[in-house]
Amino acid sequence: MSRHIPDAIKRKLLEETQFRCAFCLASLEHSFDDSSFFHFAENAHVTPYNETADNSFENLICLCPTCHTKFDKNPNKQGSVARLKDLKKHWFVASGNYSKLELDCLFALFQSQSKPWLIKKSFTSTQGPVVLLSFSVPSKQGYLFQSLIINKLVQCIEEKGAFSGNSLTLGPNLPAEDTLWLILTDLGKSFCQKFNP
């Protein structure tokens, strides 16, 4: 069997990991219209090619060059294979259940990335006020994050706006609609750690 991996499988691998390295979660550069499409993405064999000659989608995972080298040079080969199998399983679940938008926002919260839409906001908890990294969306757009909310990877805190309770508050500013603030839960942290412990 040839070591050549068809472009259709390479594209499917990138889509599976939402154009991220499956391990470090770094965004992978890509282009759909020229030969540099896979320049910064590498396809690692979960079980080494020299043992299986298997170039199937199920035996490949998308990594950045740094992580690919890290797994290939790991002296604990069984540990590397086990970790890649675990990552492949988790990405299979994640890509089937969460949108790219949901995963991007979830990983940004987990990694405390510097994004203009991530805000440290004070919330009231049972222990008193706590400042947490969060992002907000108008309540009418909460459906974009429903899988994260339903599976309790984020906690959704509703902040009533001017239109809540069938009343309209007039003032110098335009009336605001209800807002949903999303914060990372312990379950969300555990989910993210499965990809990048």
Protein backbone atom coordinates (compact mmCIF):
# COMPACT_ATOMS: atom_id res chain seq x y z
CA MET A 1 0.00 0.00 0.00
CA SER A 2 1.21 3.51 -0.82
CA ARG A 3 1.98 6.06 1.88
CA HIS A 4 0.01 8.59 -0.18
CA ILE A 5 -3.01 10.00 1.67
CA PRO A 6 -5.80 11.18 -0.67
CA ASP A 7 -6.80 14.85 -0.44
CA ALA A 8 -10.38 13.87 0.46
CA ILE A 9 -9.13 12.10 3.62
CA LYS A 10 -6.83 15.03 4.49
CA ARG A 11 -9.76 17.42 4.23
CA LYS A 12 -11.96 15.14 6.36
CA LEU A 13 -9.22 14.98 9.02
CA LEU A 14 -9.01 18.78 9.17
CA GLU A 15 -12.78 19.02 9.45
CA GLU A 16 -12.78 16.42 12.23
CA THR A 17 -10.51 18.56 14.41
CA GLN A 18 -12.18 21.80 13.28
CA PHE A 19 -8.93 22.95 11.62
CA ARG A 20 -6.96 22.60 14.86
CA CYS A 21 -4.09 20.42 15.98
CA ALA A 22 -5.82 17.52 17.74
CA PHE A 23 -3.41 17.81 20.68
CA CYS A 24 -2.33 21.42 21.32
CA LEU A 25 -5.49 22.93 19.71
CA ALA A 26 -3.44 25.41 17.64
CA SER A 27 -5.28 26.66 14.55
CA LEU A 28 -3.93 25.09 11.39
CA GLU A 29 -3.45 27.27 8.33
CA HIS A 30 -5.14 26.09 5.22
CA SER A 31 -6.13 27.14 1.73
CA PHE A 32 -8.74 25.43 -0.38
CA ASP A 33 -7.56 26.73 -3.73
CA ASP A 34 -3.84 25.98 -4.06
CA SER A 35 -1.23 23.35 -3.28
CA SER A 36 -0.39 24.86 0.14
CA PHE A 37 -3.70 23.53 1.54
CA PHE A 38 -2.04 21.16 4.00
CA HIS A 39 1.22 23.05 4.47
CA PHE A 40 0.89 23.54 8.25
CA ALA A 41 -1.14 20.42 9.03
CA GLU A 42 0.39 16.96 9.30
CA ASN A 43 -1.45 13.67 9.34
CA ALA A 44 -0.15 11.37 12.03
CA HIS A 45 -0.77 7.65 12.05
CA VAL A 46 -2.46 6.55 15.26
CA THR A 47 -0.97 3.07 14.92
CA PRO A 48 2.39 3.46 13.09
CA TYR A 49 2.27 2.96 9.32
CA ASN A 50 5.24 0.57 9.37
CA GLU A 51 3.14 -1.81 11.53
CA THR A 52 -0.16 -1.61 9.66
CA ALA A 53 0.31 0.09 6.24
CA ASP A 54 -3.02 1.70 7.14
CA ASN A 55 -3.77 5.13 5.64
CA SER A 56 -7.47 5.03 6.46
CA PHE A 57 -9.30 7.97 8.04
CA GLU A 58 -9.75 5.89 11.20
CA ASN A 59 -5.97 5.47 11.64
CA LEU A 60 -5.03 9.11 10.99
CA ILE A 61 -5.29 12.27 13.06
CA CYS A 62 -4.43 15.88 12.24
CA LEU A 63 -1.52 17.40 14.22
CA CYS A 64 0.69 20.46 13.91
CA PRO A 65 4.33 19.66 12.97
CA THR A 66 5.55 20.21 16.55
CA CYS A 67 3.06 17.79 18.12
CA HIS A 68 3.58 15.25 15.33
CA THR A 69 7.32 15.23 16.08
CA LYS A 70 6.62 15.03 19.83
CA PHE A 71 4.48 11.90 19.39
CA ASP A 72 6.85 10.28 16.88
CA LYS A 73 9.92 10.83 19.08
CA ASN A 74 8.25 9.78 22.33
CA PRO A 75 10.32 6.87 23.71
CA ASN A 76 7.11 5.38 25.15
CA LYS A 77 5.60 4.19 21.82
CA GLN A 78 2.71 2.36 23.49
CA GLY A 79 1.85 5.51 25.44
CA SER A 80 1.91 7.58 22.24
CA VAL A 81 -0.38 5.16 20.42
CA ALA A 82 -2.77 5.01 23.39
CA ARG A 83 -2.88 8.81 23.63
CA LEU A 84 -3.52 9.23 19.89
CA LYS A 85 -6.30 6.61 20.02
CA ASP A 86 -7.85 8.50 22.92
CA LEU A 87 -7.61 11.83 21.06
CA LYS A 88 -9.13 10.30 17.93
CA LYS A 89 -12.07 8.98 19.98
CA HIS A 90 -12.67 12.35 21.68
CA TRP A 91 -12.47 14.30 18.43
CA PHE A 92 -14.92 11.87 16.83
CA VAL A 93 -17.40 12.64 19.62
CA ALA A 94 -16.72 16.39 19.65
CA SER A 95 -16.94 16.95 15.92
CA GLY A 96 -20.20 15.04 15.80
CA ASN A 97 -21.83 16.95 18.65
CA TYR A 98 -20.43 20.48 18.68
CA SER A 99 -20.11 23.15 16.01
CA LYS A 100 -16.81 24.84 15.19
CA LEU A 101 -18.12 28.00 16.87
CA GLU A 102 -18.95 26.10 20.06
CA LEU A 103 -15.55 24.37 20.22
CA ASP A 104 -13.65 27.59 19.41
CA CYS A 105 -15.42 29.46 22.22
CA LEU A 106 -15.07 26.56 24.66
CA PHE A 107 -11.33 26.16 24.03
CA ALA A 108 -10.79 29.94 24.21
CA LEU A 109 -12.38 29.98 27.69
CA PHE A 110 -10.37 26.92 28.75
CA GLN A 111 -7.04 28.36 27.56
CA SER A 112 -7.91 31.88 28.80
CA GLN A 113 -7.03 33.19 25.36
CA SER A 114 -6.84 36.92 24.80
CA LYS A 115 -9.90 37.62 22.66
CA PRO A 116 -11.82 40.90 22.49
CA TRP A 117 -15.09 39.04 23.15
CA LEU A 118 -13.83 37.29 26.32
CA ILE A 119 -14.53 39.43 29.38
CA LYS A 120 -13.76 39.05 33.08
CA LYS A 121 -17.11 39.63 34.73
CA SER A 122 -18.30 39.48 38.33
CA PHE A 123 -20.97 36.88 39.13
CA THR A 124 -22.67 36.02 42.40
CA SER A 125 -22.13 32.47 43.61
CA THR A 126 -23.04 30.64 46.82
CA GLN A 127 -19.64 31.73 48.20
CA GLY A 128 -20.21 35.38 47.21
CA PRO A 129 -19.01 37.42 44.24
CA VAL A 130 -16.54 35.76 41.89
CA VAL A 131 -14.81 37.13 38.77
CA LEU A 132 -14.81 34.71 35.84
CA LEU A 133 -13.80 34.76 32.20
CA SER A 134 -16.95 34.73 30.10
CA PHE A 135 -18.55 35.78 26.86
CA SER A 136 -22.03 37.02 26.13
CA VAL A 137 -24.59 36.61 23.38
CA PRO A 138 -28.08 38.04 22.97
CA SER A 139 -30.54 35.51 24.38
CA LYS A 140 -32.10 35.02 20.95
CA GLN A 141 -28.74 33.64 19.77
CA GLY A 142 -28.34 31.19 22.64
CA TYR A 143 -29.29 28.37 20.26
CA LEU A 144 -25.80 28.70 18.72
CA PHE A 145 -24.38 27.27 21.96
CA GLN A 146 -27.20 24.89 22.90
CA SER A 147 -25.05 21.73 22.75
CA LEU A 148 -22.53 23.23 25.19
CA ILE A 149 -25.36 24.37 27.47
CA ILE A 150 -27.36 21.10 27.33
CA ASN A 151 -24.24 19.02 28.06
CA LYS A 152 -23.29 21.43 30.89
CA LEU A 153 -19.84 22.29 29.50
CA VAL A 154 -20.73 25.94 30.04
CA GLN A 155 -23.06 27.54 32.53
CA CYS A 156 -25.53 30.00 31.12
CA ILE A 157 -26.38 33.02 33.27
CA GLU A 158 -29.23 35.18 32.02
CA GLU A 159 -29.14 38.91 32.51
CA LYS A 160 -32.47 40.61 31.97
CA GLY A 161 -32.52 43.54 29.59
CA ALA A 162 -34.97 46.34 29.03
CA PHE A 163 -37.49 44.11 27.26
CA SER A 164 -37.78 41.49 30.00
CA GLY A 165 -41.08 40.97 31.77
CA ASN A 166 -43.10 42.60 28.96
CA SER A 167 -41.94 46.04 30.06
CA LEU A 168 -39.91 48.59 28.19
CA THR A 169 -37.36 50.77 29.95
CA LEU A 170 -36.74 54.09 28.26
CA GLY A 171 -33.58 56.04 28.79
CA PRO A 172 -30.72 57.78 27.04
CA ASN A 173 -29.50 54.49 25.54
CA LEU A 174 -31.29 52.12 23.20
CA PRO A 175 -33.19 49.40 25.08
CA ALA A 176 -31.11 46.26 25.53
CA GLU A 177 -32.36 42.74 24.96
CA ASP A 178 -31.79 39.91 27.42
CA THR A 179 -28.20 38.68 27.46
CA LEU A 180 -26.76 35.24 28.12
CA TRP A 181 -23.34 35.07 29.80
CA LEU A 182 -21.51 31.79 29.28
CA ILE A 183 -18.84 30.59 31.71
CA LEU A 184 -16.79 27.39 31.74
CA THR A 185 -17.95 24.68 34.16
CA ASP A 186 -15.83 22.01 35.86
CA LEU A 187 -17.32 19.52 33.39
CA GLY A 188 -16.23 21.82 30.54
CA LYS A 189 -12.69 21.97 31.95
CA SER A 190 -12.61 18.17 32.21
CA PHE A 191 -13.84 17.88 28.61
CA CYS A 192 -11.11 20.24 27.36
CA GLN A 193 -8.39 18.48 29.37
CA LYS A 194 -9.12 15.28 27.45
CA PHE A 195 -7.78 17.05 24.36
CA ASN A 196 -4.88 18.90 25.93
CA PRO A 197 -4.10 17.76 29.50
